[in-house]
Amino acid sequence: MHIWDITRTIHDGLSVWPGDPTPLVEPQLQANAGDTINTSVFRLGSHTGTHVDAPAHLFANGKTVDQLDLRVLVGPAVVVDCSAYQEIQAATLDARVCSEYSRVLLKLAEPNCLDGSFTSTVPLTLDAAQWVIDHHIKLIGITGPTVDRFDADALVIHRRLLAADIIIVENLWLQDIPKGEYNLACLPLPIAGTDGAPARAILWTD
């Protein structure tokens, strides 16, 4: 079995969405300071690093991250290289994604960052979101920080996908992953009542 970790490591200085808290890891107890054990305190936003968006991200009565179906978060997936595109349209997906997959991971151009914050995205268009729905995709993952345009206020792509109960995974690390078929496990922290959570995501082949 070959396993690939496609999670962005959380560390001080990890790029975040503008306005989100920057990750902070602080020691609480330290053995080298006379404590019996080492423990740490974390400060993370719900959309830090590689993370899962639940419908509660936008909808008051939407499923929270601890209510997501684990059967969707684990199973066969396809990695599709779309790194040459500035936006992802339905025609892009139609040409590159076989309809048999219910989990699709898009390798996009890496977003620009400035002073620890993202400054660009490679968005899905509205017709691409509808393509995802029409082809019964249950999970869409991207390497960028959002499926919407960077300057989007209404978050129409998020709304269209989450309203259709499609799980969104953002900030994957796929730069070293060849396109093709894999098995995926993407498990967010089961934090009760939250809109999303950081996740550990891996791919493997038998």
N, C-alpha and C. Protein backbone atom coordinates (compact mmCIF):
# COMPACT_ATOMS: atom_id res chain seq x y z
N MET A 1 0.84 -1.20 0.00
CA MET A 1 0.00 0.00 0.00
C MET A 1 0.88 1.25 0.00
N HIS A 2 0.54 2.20 -0.84
CA HIS A 2 1.25 3.49 -0.88
C HIS A 2 0.30 4.56 -0.37
N ILE A 3 0.77 5.35 0.61
CA ILE A 3 -0.06 6.38 1.23
C ILE A 3 0.57 7.75 0.98
N TRP A 4 -0.27 8.72 0.62
CA TRP A 4 0.14 10.11 0.46
C TRP A 4 -0.62 10.98 1.46
N ASP A 5 0.08 11.80 2.19
CA ASP A 5 -0.55 12.77 3.08
C ASP A 5 -0.82 14.03 2.25
N ILE A 6 -2.07 14.43 2.13
CA ILE A 6 -2.42 15.60 1.32
C ILE A 6 -2.95 16.73 2.22
N THR A 7 -2.47 16.74 3.45
CA THR A 7 -2.85 17.75 4.44
C THR A 7 -1.76 18.82 4.53
N ARG A 8 -2.16 20.07 4.61
CA ARG A 8 -1.20 21.14 4.86
C ARG A 8 -0.89 21.16 6.36
N THR A 9 0.37 21.07 6.70
CA THR A 9 0.78 21.04 8.10
C THR A 9 0.45 22.37 8.77
N ILE A 10 -0.17 22.30 9.93
CA ILE A 10 -0.51 23.51 10.67
C ILE A 10 0.71 23.97 11.46
N HIS A 11 1.07 25.23 11.28
CA HIS A 11 2.24 25.78 11.96
C HIS A 11 2.08 27.29 12.06
N ASP A 12 2.86 27.90 12.94
CA ASP A 12 2.87 29.36 13.03
C ASP A 12 3.26 29.92 11.66
N GLY A 13 2.49 30.89 11.17
CA GLY A 13 2.78 31.48 9.88
C GLY A 13 2.04 30.85 8.72
N LEU A 14 1.26 29.78 8.96
CA LEU A 14 0.46 29.20 7.89
C LEU A 14 -0.52 30.24 7.36
N SER A 15 -0.62 30.35 6.04
CA SER A 15 -1.51 31.35 5.44
C SER A 15 -2.96 31.04 5.78
N VAL A 16 -3.72 32.09 6.05
CA VAL A 16 -5.13 31.96 6.42
C VAL A 16 -5.95 32.94 5.60
N TRP A 17 -7.27 32.76 5.65
CA TRP A 17 -8.18 33.70 5.01
C TRP A 17 -8.09 35.04 5.73
N PRO A 18 -8.09 36.16 4.99
CA PRO A 18 -8.00 37.46 5.66
C PRO A 18 -9.05 37.62 6.76
N GLY A 19 -8.59 37.98 7.94
CA GLY A 19 -9.48 38.15 9.08
C GLY A 19 -9.59 36.93 9.98
N ASP A 20 -9.20 35.76 9.47
CA ASP A 20 -9.22 34.55 10.31
C ASP A 20 -8.04 34.58 11.28
N PRO A 21 -8.17 33.90 12.41
CA PRO A 21 -7.04 33.87 13.35
C PRO A 21 -5.87 33.08 12.79
N THR A 22 -4.69 33.59 13.00
CA THR A 22 -3.50 32.86 12.58
C THR A 22 -3.27 31.71 13.56
N PRO A 23 -2.79 30.57 13.06
CA PRO A 23 -2.55 29.44 13.96
C PRO A 23 -1.53 29.77 15.02
N LEU A 24 -1.78 29.29 16.21
CA LEU A 24 -0.87 29.51 17.32
C LEU A 24 -0.76 28.22 18.12
N VAL A 25 0.45 27.77 18.33
CA VAL A 25 0.72 26.59 19.15
C VAL A 25 1.66 27.02 20.27
N GLU A 26 1.18 26.93 21.49
CA GLU A 26 1.97 27.38 22.65
C GLU A 26 2.14 26.24 23.64
N PRO A 27 3.33 26.10 24.21
CA PRO A 27 3.51 25.10 25.27
C PRO A 27 2.75 25.51 26.53
N GLN A 28 2.17 24.52 27.17
CA GLN A 28 1.47 24.75 28.43
C GLN A 28 2.30 24.22 29.59
N LEU A 29 2.61 22.92 29.55
CA LEU A 29 3.54 22.31 30.48
C LEU A 29 4.78 21.89 29.71
N GLN A 30 5.95 22.02 30.34
CA GLN A 30 7.20 21.71 29.66
C GLN A 30 8.10 20.88 30.59
N ALA A 31 8.46 19.71 30.10
CA ALA A 31 9.31 18.83 30.90
C ALA A 31 10.67 19.46 31.18
N ASN A 32 11.19 20.21 30.20
CA ASN A 32 12.51 20.79 30.42
C ASN A 32 12.47 22.00 31.35
N ALA A 33 11.23 22.38 31.77
CA ALA A 33 11.08 23.47 32.75
C ALA A 33 10.66 22.92 34.12
N GLY A 34 10.73 21.59 34.26
CA GLY A 34 10.42 20.99 35.54
C GLY A 34 9.07 20.33 35.64
N ASP A 35 8.23 20.45 34.60
CA ASP A 35 6.93 19.78 34.61
C ASP A 35 7.11 18.29 34.31
N THR A 36 6.12 17.51 34.72
CA THR A 36 6.20 16.06 34.52
C THR A 36 6.02 15.69 33.05
N ILE A 37 5.21 16.47 32.33
CA ILE A 37 4.86 16.14 30.96
C ILE A 37 4.96 17.39 30.08
N ASN A 38 4.84 17.16 28.79
CA ASN A 38 4.71 18.25 27.82
C ASN A 38 3.26 18.30 27.32
N THR A 39 2.64 19.46 27.38
CA THR A 39 1.33 19.68 26.77
C THR A 39 1.33 21.04 26.08
N SER A 40 0.38 21.22 25.17
CA SER A 40 0.33 22.45 24.39
C SER A 40 -1.09 22.98 24.32
N VAL A 41 -1.20 24.24 24.01
CA VAL A 41 -2.47 24.90 23.75
C VAL A 41 -2.49 25.35 22.29
N PHE A 42 -3.60 25.05 21.59
CA PHE A 42 -3.73 25.43 20.19
C PHE A 42 -4.78 26.53 20.06
N ARG A 43 -4.54 27.45 19.12
CA ARG A 43 -5.57 28.38 18.69
C ARG A 43 -5.71 28.23 17.18
N LEU A 44 -6.89 27.78 16.76
CA LEU A 44 -7.14 27.53 15.35
C LEU A 44 -8.52 28.04 14.98
N GLY A 45 -8.65 28.59 13.79
CA GLY A 45 -9.97 28.85 13.25
C GLY A 45 -10.56 27.57 12.69
N SER A 46 -11.86 27.54 12.51
CA SER A 46 -12.52 26.33 12.00
C SER A 46 -12.16 26.06 10.55
N HIS A 47 -11.54 27.03 9.87
CA HIS A 47 -11.17 26.85 8.46
C HIS A 47 -9.66 27.03 8.29
N THR A 48 -8.92 26.59 9.29
CA THR A 48 -7.46 26.65 9.24
C THR A 48 -6.90 25.48 8.45
N GLY A 49 -5.95 25.78 7.57
CA GLY A 49 -5.27 24.73 6.82
C GLY A 49 -6.23 23.88 6.01
N THR A 50 -5.91 22.61 5.86
CA THR A 50 -6.81 21.67 5.17
C THR A 50 -8.03 21.48 6.06
N HIS A 51 -9.21 21.79 5.50
CA HIS A 51 -10.41 21.77 6.34
C HIS A 51 -11.64 21.38 5.53
N VAL A 52 -12.67 21.01 6.25
CA VAL A 52 -13.95 20.62 5.66
C VAL A 52 -14.98 21.69 5.98
N ASP A 53 -15.74 22.09 4.95
CA ASP A 53 -16.88 22.99 5.14
C ASP A 53 -18.15 22.16 5.25
N ALA A 54 -18.89 22.37 6.32
CA ALA A 54 -20.20 21.73 6.48
C ALA A 54 -21.29 22.71 6.05
N PRO A 55 -22.50 22.23 5.76
CA PRO A 55 -23.59 23.15 5.40
C PRO A 55 -23.83 24.25 6.43
N ALA A 56 -23.53 23.99 7.70
CA ALA A 56 -23.71 25.01 8.74
C ALA A 56 -22.78 26.21 8.54
N HIS A 57 -21.82 26.10 7.64
CA HIS A 57 -20.94 27.22 7.31
C HIS A 57 -21.77 28.41 6.80
N LEU A 58 -22.88 28.13 6.12
CA LEU A 58 -23.71 29.19 5.55
C LEU A 58 -25.17 29.13 5.94
N PHE A 59 -25.63 27.98 6.40
CA PHE A 59 -27.06 27.82 6.65
C PHE A 59 -27.32 27.56 8.13
N ALA A 60 -28.24 28.33 8.71
CA ALA A 60 -28.49 28.27 10.15
C ALA A 60 -28.88 26.88 10.61
N ASN A 61 -29.63 26.17 9.80
CA ASN A 61 -30.08 24.83 10.19
C ASN A 61 -29.35 23.72 9.43
N GLY A 62 -28.21 24.07 8.84
CA GLY A 62 -27.46 23.08 8.08
C GLY A 62 -26.72 22.11 8.98
N LYS A 63 -26.34 20.97 8.41
CA LYS A 63 -25.57 19.99 9.16
C LYS A 63 -24.27 20.61 9.66
N THR A 64 -23.92 20.28 10.89
CA THR A 64 -22.64 20.70 11.43
C THR A 64 -21.58 19.64 11.13
N VAL A 65 -20.33 19.99 11.38
CA VAL A 65 -19.25 19.12 10.92
C VAL A 65 -19.30 17.75 11.58
N ASP A 66 -19.79 17.68 12.81
CA ASP A 66 -19.87 16.40 13.51
C ASP A 66 -21.05 15.55 13.02
N GLN A 67 -21.91 16.12 12.17
CA GLN A 67 -23.05 15.38 11.64
C GLN A 67 -22.82 14.88 10.21
N LEU A 68 -21.67 15.15 9.64
CA LEU A 68 -21.40 14.74 8.26
C LEU A 68 -21.29 13.23 8.15
N ASP A 69 -21.68 12.72 7.00
CA ASP A 69 -21.67 11.28 6.74
C ASP A 69 -20.25 10.81 6.47
N LEU A 70 -19.71 9.98 7.36
CA LEU A 70 -18.34 9.49 7.18
C LEU A 70 -18.19 8.66 5.91
N ARG A 71 -19.28 8.09 5.43
CA ARG A 71 -19.20 7.30 4.20
C ARG A 71 -18.87 8.16 2.99
N VAL A 72 -19.17 9.45 3.07
CA VAL A 72 -18.80 10.37 1.98
C VAL A 72 -17.34 10.77 2.10
N LEU A 73 -16.85 10.83 3.32
CA LEU A 73 -15.49 11.31 3.57
C LEU A 73 -14.42 10.25 3.37
N VAL A 74 -14.84 9.02 3.13
CA VAL A 74 -13.90 7.91 2.90
C VAL A 74 -14.37 7.12 1.69
N GLY A 75 -13.44 6.89 0.73
CA GLY A 75 -13.80 6.08 -0.43
C GLY A 75 -13.03 6.46 -1.67
N PRO A 76 -13.34 5.83 -2.80
CA PRO A 76 -12.63 6.12 -4.05
C PRO A 76 -12.75 7.58 -4.46
N ALA A 77 -11.65 8.12 -5.00
CA ALA A 77 -11.62 9.52 -5.44
C ALA A 77 -10.73 9.64 -6.66
N VAL A 78 -10.87 10.75 -7.35
CA VAL A 78 -10.02 11.02 -8.50
C VAL A 78 -9.37 12.38 -8.32
N VAL A 79 -8.08 12.46 -8.62
CA VAL A 79 -7.33 13.71 -8.60
C VAL A 79 -7.23 14.21 -10.04
N VAL A 80 -7.63 15.46 -10.24
CA VAL A 80 -7.68 16.05 -11.58
C VAL A 80 -6.79 17.28 -11.60
N ASP A 81 -5.88 17.34 -12.58
CA ASP A 81 -4.95 18.47 -12.68
C ASP A 81 -5.60 19.61 -13.47
N CYS A 82 -5.94 20.68 -12.76
CA CYS A 82 -6.50 21.88 -13.39
C CYS A 82 -5.62 23.09 -13.12
N SER A 83 -4.33 22.85 -12.93
CA SER A 83 -3.42 23.91 -12.51
C SER A 83 -3.16 24.96 -13.59
N ALA A 84 -3.57 24.69 -14.81
CA ALA A 84 -3.36 25.66 -15.89
C ALA A 84 -4.50 26.66 -16.01
N TYR A 85 -5.53 26.52 -15.20
CA TYR A 85 -6.74 27.33 -15.36
C TYR A 85 -6.84 28.41 -14.29
N GLN A 86 -7.41 29.56 -14.68
CA GLN A 86 -7.65 30.65 -13.76
C GLN A 86 -9.04 30.57 -13.12
N GLU A 87 -9.91 29.76 -13.68
CA GLU A 87 -11.20 29.44 -13.08
C GLU A 87 -11.61 28.07 -13.62
N ILE A 88 -12.47 27.41 -12.89
CA ILE A 88 -12.90 26.07 -13.27
C ILE A 88 -14.34 26.14 -13.75
N GLN A 89 -14.53 25.85 -15.04
CA GLN A 89 -15.84 25.90 -15.66
C GLN A 89 -16.39 24.48 -15.82
N ALA A 90 -17.67 24.41 -16.16
CA ALA A 90 -18.29 23.10 -16.39
C ALA A 90 -17.57 22.35 -17.50
N ALA A 91 -17.18 23.06 -18.55
CA ALA A 91 -16.48 22.41 -19.68
C ALA A 91 -15.16 21.80 -19.23
N THR A 92 -14.48 22.45 -18.28
CA THR A 92 -13.23 21.92 -17.73
C THR A 92 -13.48 20.57 -17.07
N LEU A 93 -14.51 20.52 -16.24
CA LEU A 93 -14.83 19.29 -15.53
C LEU A 93 -15.33 18.22 -16.49
N ASP A 94 -16.12 18.62 -17.44
CA ASP A 94 -16.68 17.67 -18.40
C ASP A 94 -15.58 16.97 -19.20
N ALA A 95 -14.51 17.68 -19.46
CA ALA A 95 -13.42 17.12 -20.26
C ALA A 95 -12.47 16.26 -19.43
N ARG A 96 -12.49 16.41 -18.10
CA ARG A 96 -11.46 15.79 -17.28
C ARG A 96 -11.95 14.84 -16.21
N VAL A 97 -13.22 14.86 -15.91
CA VAL A 97 -13.72 14.05 -14.80
C VAL A 97 -14.68 12.99 -15.32
N CYS A 98 -14.36 11.74 -15.08
CA CYS A 98 -15.26 10.64 -15.45
C CYS A 98 -16.46 10.66 -14.51
N SER A 99 -17.62 10.44 -15.03
CA SER A 99 -18.86 10.58 -14.26
C SER A 99 -19.02 9.51 -13.18
N GLU A 100 -18.15 8.50 -13.15
CA GLU A 100 -18.31 7.43 -12.17
C GLU A 100 -17.86 7.83 -10.76
N TYR A 101 -17.17 8.96 -10.62
CA TYR A 101 -16.61 9.33 -9.33
C TYR A 101 -17.57 10.20 -8.54
N SER A 102 -17.66 9.92 -7.24
CA SER A 102 -18.47 10.77 -6.37
C SER A 102 -17.61 11.67 -5.49
N ARG A 103 -16.27 11.50 -5.57
CA ARG A 103 -15.34 12.36 -4.85
C ARG A 103 -14.29 12.85 -5.84
N VAL A 104 -14.22 14.17 -5.99
CA VAL A 104 -13.33 14.77 -6.99
C VAL A 104 -12.42 15.78 -6.30
N LEU A 105 -11.11 15.64 -6.51
CA LEU A 105 -10.12 16.54 -5.93
C LEU A 105 -9.42 17.29 -7.07
N LEU A 106 -9.48 18.61 -7.02
CA LEU A 106 -8.94 19.45 -8.08
C LEU A 106 -7.61 20.06 -7.67
N LYS A 107 -6.58 19.75 -8.44
CA LYS A 107 -5.28 20.36 -8.23
C LYS A 107 -5.26 21.68 -8.99
N LEU A 108 -5.23 22.79 -8.24
CA LEU A 108 -5.30 24.13 -8.83
C LEU A 108 -3.95 24.83 -8.69
N ALA A 109 -3.80 25.94 -9.40
CA ALA A 109 -2.61 26.76 -9.22
C ALA A 109 -2.57 27.24 -7.77
N GLU A 110 -1.39 27.27 -7.18
CA GLU A 110 -1.26 27.70 -5.80
C GLU A 110 -1.69 29.16 -5.65
N PRO A 111 -2.47 29.48 -4.62
CA PRO A 111 -2.92 30.86 -4.43
C PRO A 111 -1.77 31.77 -4.01
N ASN A 112 -1.89 33.04 -4.34
CA ASN A 112 -0.92 34.02 -3.88
C ASN A 112 -1.21 34.39 -2.42
N CYS A 113 -0.15 34.73 -1.71
CA CYS A 113 -0.29 35.10 -0.30
C CYS A 113 0.55 36.34 -0.03
N LEU A 114 0.12 37.11 0.95
CA LEU A 114 0.86 38.29 1.37
C LEU A 114 0.72 38.43 2.87
N ASP A 115 1.85 38.50 3.56
CA ASP A 115 1.85 38.69 5.02
C ASP A 115 0.97 37.68 5.74
N GLY A 116 1.00 36.44 5.28
CA GLY A 116 0.28 35.38 5.96
C GLY A 116 -1.18 35.25 5.60
N SER A 117 -1.65 36.02 4.62
CA SER A 117 -3.05 35.94 4.19
C SER A 117 -3.13 35.66 2.69
N PHE A 118 -4.15 34.92 2.30
CA PHE A 118 -4.37 34.67 0.88
C PHE A 118 -4.80 35.95 0.18
N THR A 119 -4.39 36.10 -1.08
CA THR A 119 -4.77 37.27 -1.87
C THR A 119 -5.38 36.90 -3.21
N SER A 120 -5.56 35.59 -3.47
CA SER A 120 -6.14 35.18 -4.75
C SER A 120 -6.74 33.79 -4.60
N THR A 121 -7.58 33.43 -5.53
CA THR A 121 -8.15 32.09 -5.59
C THR A 121 -8.33 31.69 -7.04
N VAL A 122 -8.52 30.39 -7.25
CA VAL A 122 -8.97 29.85 -8.54
C VAL A 122 -10.38 29.31 -8.28
N PRO A 123 -11.41 30.05 -8.66
CA PRO A 123 -12.77 29.69 -8.26
C PRO A 123 -13.43 28.71 -9.22
N LEU A 124 -14.48 28.08 -8.74
CA LEU A 124 -15.42 27.38 -9.62
C LEU A 124 -16.44 28.39 -10.11
N THR A 125 -16.86 28.24 -11.35
CA THR A 125 -17.94 29.07 -11.87
C THR A 125 -19.28 28.44 -11.46
N LEU A 126 -20.35 29.20 -11.66
CA LEU A 126 -21.67 28.70 -11.29
C LEU A 126 -22.05 27.48 -12.11
N ASP A 127 -21.67 27.47 -13.39
CA ASP A 127 -22.02 26.29 -14.20
C ASP A 127 -21.18 25.08 -13.79
N ALA A 128 -19.98 25.30 -13.25
CA ALA A 128 -19.18 24.19 -12.72
C ALA A 128 -19.83 23.61 -11.47
N ALA A 129 -20.34 24.49 -10.61
CA ALA A 129 -21.04 24.01 -9.41
C ALA A 129 -22.26 23.19 -9.80
N GLN A 130 -22.97 23.65 -10.82
CA GLN A 130 -24.14 22.90 -11.27
C GLN A 130 -23.73 21.56 -11.88
N TRP A 131 -22.60 21.54 -12.56
CA TRP A 131 -22.07 20.29 -13.13
C TRP A 131 -21.81 19.29 -12.00
N VAL A 132 -21.21 19.76 -10.92
CA VAL A 132 -20.92 18.90 -9.77
C VAL A 132 -22.22 18.31 -9.24
N ILE A 133 -23.25 19.13 -9.12
CA ILE A 133 -24.53 18.66 -8.62
C ILE A 133 -25.16 17.67 -9.60
N ASP A 134 -25.17 18.02 -10.87
CA ASP A 134 -25.82 17.18 -11.88
C ASP A 134 -25.15 15.81 -12.02
N HIS A 135 -23.85 15.73 -11.71
CA HIS A 135 -23.11 14.48 -11.84
C HIS A 135 -23.00 13.73 -10.51
N HIS A 136 -23.81 14.14 -9.55
CA HIS A 136 -23.96 13.42 -8.28
C HIS A 136 -22.65 13.30 -7.51
N ILE A 137 -21.81 14.33 -7.64
CA ILE A 137 -20.60 14.39 -6.83
C ILE A 137 -21.01 14.64 -5.38
N LYS A 138 -20.43 13.91 -4.46
CA LYS A 138 -20.76 14.06 -3.04
C LYS A 138 -19.72 14.85 -2.27
N LEU A 139 -18.49 14.92 -2.81
CA LEU A 139 -17.39 15.64 -2.16
C LEU A 139 -16.54 16.29 -3.24
N ILE A 140 -16.29 17.58 -3.09
CA ILE A 140 -15.40 18.29 -4.01
C ILE A 140 -14.28 18.89 -3.18
N GLY A 141 -13.05 18.59 -3.54
CA GLY A 141 -11.89 19.10 -2.82
C GLY A 141 -11.01 19.93 -3.73
N ILE A 142 -10.41 20.97 -3.18
CA ILE A 142 -9.54 21.85 -3.97
C ILE A 142 -8.28 22.17 -3.16
N THR A 143 -7.26 22.61 -3.87
CA THR A 143 -6.02 23.01 -3.20
C THR A 143 -6.05 24.46 -2.77
N GLY A 144 -7.01 25.23 -3.23
CA GLY A 144 -7.12 26.63 -2.85
C GLY A 144 -7.91 26.81 -1.57
N PRO A 145 -8.00 28.07 -1.08
CA PRO A 145 -8.67 28.35 0.18
C PRO A 145 -10.18 28.49 0.09
N THR A 146 -10.73 28.59 -1.12
CA THR A 146 -12.17 28.74 -1.27
C THR A 146 -12.60 28.32 -2.67
N VAL A 147 -13.82 27.82 -2.79
CA VAL A 147 -14.37 27.47 -4.10
C VAL A 147 -14.94 28.69 -4.80
N ASP A 148 -15.11 29.79 -4.07
CA ASP A 148 -15.64 31.03 -4.63
C ASP A 148 -14.52 31.95 -5.09
N ARG A 149 -14.91 33.02 -5.76
CA ARG A 149 -13.96 34.06 -6.12
C ARG A 149 -13.45 34.72 -4.84
N PHE A 150 -12.24 35.24 -4.90
CA PHE A 150 -11.63 35.84 -3.71
C PHE A 150 -12.46 37.01 -3.20
N ASP A 151 -13.04 37.79 -4.11
CA ASP A 151 -13.78 38.99 -3.72
C ASP A 151 -15.29 38.74 -3.61
N ALA A 152 -15.70 37.48 -3.57
CA ALA A 152 -17.13 37.17 -3.53
C ALA A 152 -17.71 37.48 -2.16
N ASP A 153 -18.84 38.18 -2.14
CA ASP A 153 -19.53 38.46 -0.90
C ASP A 153 -20.67 37.47 -0.66
N ALA A 154 -21.39 37.12 -1.72
CA ALA A 154 -22.56 36.25 -1.57
C ALA A 154 -22.18 34.78 -1.44
N LEU A 155 -20.95 34.42 -1.81
CA LEU A 155 -20.48 33.02 -1.74
C LEU A 155 -21.47 32.08 -2.43
N VAL A 156 -21.78 32.42 -3.68
CA VAL A 156 -22.82 31.67 -4.40
C VAL A 156 -22.40 30.24 -4.69
N ILE A 157 -21.12 29.99 -4.87
CA ILE A 157 -20.67 28.62 -5.14
C ILE A 157 -20.79 27.77 -3.88
N HIS A 158 -20.32 28.31 -2.77
CA HIS A 158 -20.53 27.61 -1.50
C HIS A 158 -22.01 27.32 -1.28
N ARG A 159 -22.85 28.32 -1.49
CA ARG A 159 -24.28 28.15 -1.23
C ARG A 159 -24.89 27.08 -2.12
N ARG A 160 -24.51 27.08 -3.40
CA ARG A 160 -25.07 26.10 -4.33
C ARG A 160 -24.65 24.69 -3.94
N LEU A 161 -23.39 24.51 -3.61
CA LEU A 161 -22.89 23.17 -3.28
C LEU A 161 -23.40 22.69 -1.92
N LEU A 162 -23.31 23.54 -0.92
CA LEU A 162 -23.72 23.12 0.42
C LEU A 162 -25.23 22.91 0.51
N ALA A 163 -26.00 23.67 -0.27
CA ALA A 163 -27.45 23.46 -0.28
C ALA A 163 -27.80 22.10 -0.87
N ALA A 164 -26.91 21.59 -1.73
CA ALA A 164 -27.11 20.27 -2.32
C ALA A 164 -26.47 19.17 -1.47
N ASP A 165 -26.04 19.51 -0.26
CA ASP A 165 -25.45 18.55 0.68
C ASP A 165 -24.14 17.98 0.17
N ILE A 166 -23.40 18.78 -0.59
CA ILE A 166 -22.08 18.37 -1.09
C ILE A 166 -21.02 18.88 -0.12
N ILE A 167 -20.15 18.00 0.32
CA ILE A 167 -19.08 18.37 1.25
C ILE A 167 -17.96 19.05 0.48
N ILE A 168 -17.50 20.18 1.01
CA ILE A 168 -16.40 20.94 0.40
C ILE A 168 -15.16 20.76 1.27
N VAL A 169 -14.05 20.41 0.63
CA VAL A 169 -12.75 20.32 1.30
C VAL A 169 -11.83 21.33 0.64
N GLU A 170 -11.21 22.20 1.45
CA GLU A 170 -10.36 23.25 0.92
C GLU A 170 -8.96 23.16 1.51
N ASN A 171 -8.01 23.76 0.78
CA ASN A 171 -6.61 23.81 1.21
C ASN A 171 -5.96 22.44 1.26
N LEU A 172 -6.30 21.58 0.33
CA LEU A 172 -5.58 20.31 0.20
C LEU A 172 -4.18 20.57 -0.34
N TRP A 173 -3.28 19.62 -0.12
CA TRP A 173 -1.94 19.69 -0.70
C TRP A 173 -1.80 18.57 -1.73
N LEU A 174 -1.94 18.95 -3.00
CA LEU A 174 -1.90 17.97 -4.09
C LEU A 174 -0.76 18.23 -5.07
N GLN A 175 0.14 19.14 -4.73
CA GLN A 175 1.13 19.56 -5.71
C GLN A 175 2.04 18.42 -6.15
N ASP A 176 2.28 17.44 -5.30
CA ASP A 176 3.16 16.33 -5.64
C ASP A 176 2.40 15.06 -6.00
N ILE A 177 1.09 15.19 -6.18
CA ILE A 177 0.26 14.01 -6.42
C ILE A 177 -0.09 13.90 -7.90
N PRO A 178 0.30 12.82 -8.57
CA PRO A 178 -0.09 12.66 -9.98
C PRO A 178 -1.60 12.52 -10.11
N LYS A 179 -2.12 12.99 -11.22
CA LYS A 179 -3.55 12.82 -11.48
C LYS A 179 -3.85 11.33 -11.58
N GLY A 180 -5.08 10.97 -11.22
CA GLY A 180 -5.46 9.57 -11.31
C GLY A 180 -6.40 9.15 -10.20
N GLU A 181 -6.56 7.84 -10.07
CA GLU A 181 -7.53 7.25 -9.14
C GLU A 181 -6.84 6.85 -7.83
N TYR A 182 -7.52 7.14 -6.73
CA TYR A 182 -6.99 6.84 -5.40
C TYR A 182 -8.15 6.45 -4.48
N ASN A 183 -7.79 6.05 -3.27
CA ASN A 183 -8.73 6.01 -2.17
C ASN A 183 -8.47 7.22 -1.29
N LEU A 184 -9.53 7.80 -0.76
CA LEU A 184 -9.44 9.01 0.05
C LEU A 184 -10.00 8.77 1.44
N ALA A 185 -9.32 9.32 2.43
CA ALA A 185 -9.90 9.47 3.77
C ALA A 185 -9.64 10.91 4.19
N CYS A 186 -10.71 11.63 4.49
CA CYS A 186 -10.60 13.03 4.89
C CYS A 186 -11.51 13.23 6.09
N LEU A 187 -10.92 13.24 7.28
CA LEU A 187 -11.70 13.20 8.51
C LEU A 187 -11.50 14.47 9.31
N PRO A 188 -12.53 15.32 9.37
CA PRO A 188 -12.44 16.54 10.17
C PRO A 188 -12.60 16.24 11.65
N LEU A 189 -12.07 17.11 12.48
CA LEU A 189 -12.29 16.98 13.92
C LEU A 189 -13.79 17.07 14.21
N PRO A 190 -14.34 16.14 14.98
CA PRO A 190 -15.78 16.12 15.23
C PRO A 190 -16.17 17.09 16.35
N ILE A 191 -16.04 18.37 16.07
CA ILE A 191 -16.32 19.40 17.08
C ILE A 191 -17.81 19.72 17.01
N ALA A 192 -18.50 19.49 18.09
CA ALA A 192 -19.96 19.59 18.09
C ALA A 192 -20.45 20.98 17.71
N GLY A 193 -21.41 21.00 16.78
CA GLY A 193 -22.12 22.23 16.45
C GLY A 193 -21.36 23.23 15.61
N THR A 194 -20.24 22.84 15.00
CA THR A 194 -19.42 23.81 14.28
C THR A 194 -19.65 23.76 12.77
N ASP A 195 -19.27 24.86 12.12
CA ASP A 195 -19.48 25.06 10.69
C ASP A 195 -18.44 24.37 9.82
N GLY A 196 -17.36 23.95 10.42
CA GLY A 196 -16.27 23.29 9.70
C GLY A 196 -15.18 22.94 10.69
N ALA A 197 -14.14 22.27 10.20
CA ALA A 197 -13.05 21.90 11.09
C ALA A 197 -11.83 21.47 10.29
N PRO A 198 -10.64 21.70 10.82
CA PRO A 198 -9.44 21.15 10.19
C PRO A 198 -9.55 19.63 10.09
N ALA A 199 -8.91 19.09 9.05
CA ALA A 199 -9.01 17.65 8.77
C ALA A 199 -7.64 17.10 8.42
N ARG A 200 -7.47 15.82 8.67
CA ARG A 200 -6.30 15.08 8.15
C ARG A 200 -6.79 14.33 6.93
N ALA A 201 -6.16 14.55 5.80
CA ALA A 201 -6.58 13.92 4.55
C ALA A 201 -5.43 13.11 3.98
N ILE A 202 -5.74 11.89 3.59
CA ILE A 202 -4.74 11.02 2.95
C ILE A 202 -5.34 10.36 1.72
N LEU A 203 -4.43 10.01 0.81
CA LEU A 203 -4.78 9.17 -0.34
C LEU A 203 -3.97 7.88 -0.24
N TRP A 204 -4.53 6.81 -0.77
CA TRP A 204 -3.73 5.59 -0.85
C TRP A 204 -4.19 4.75 -2.03
N THR A 205 -3.29 3.89 -2.46
CA THR A 205 -3.57 2.90 -3.48
C THR A 205 -3.24 1.53 -2.92
N ASP A 206 -3.98 0.53 -3.33
CA ASP A 206 -3.77 -0.84 -2.81
C ASP A 206 -2.53 -1.45 -3.45
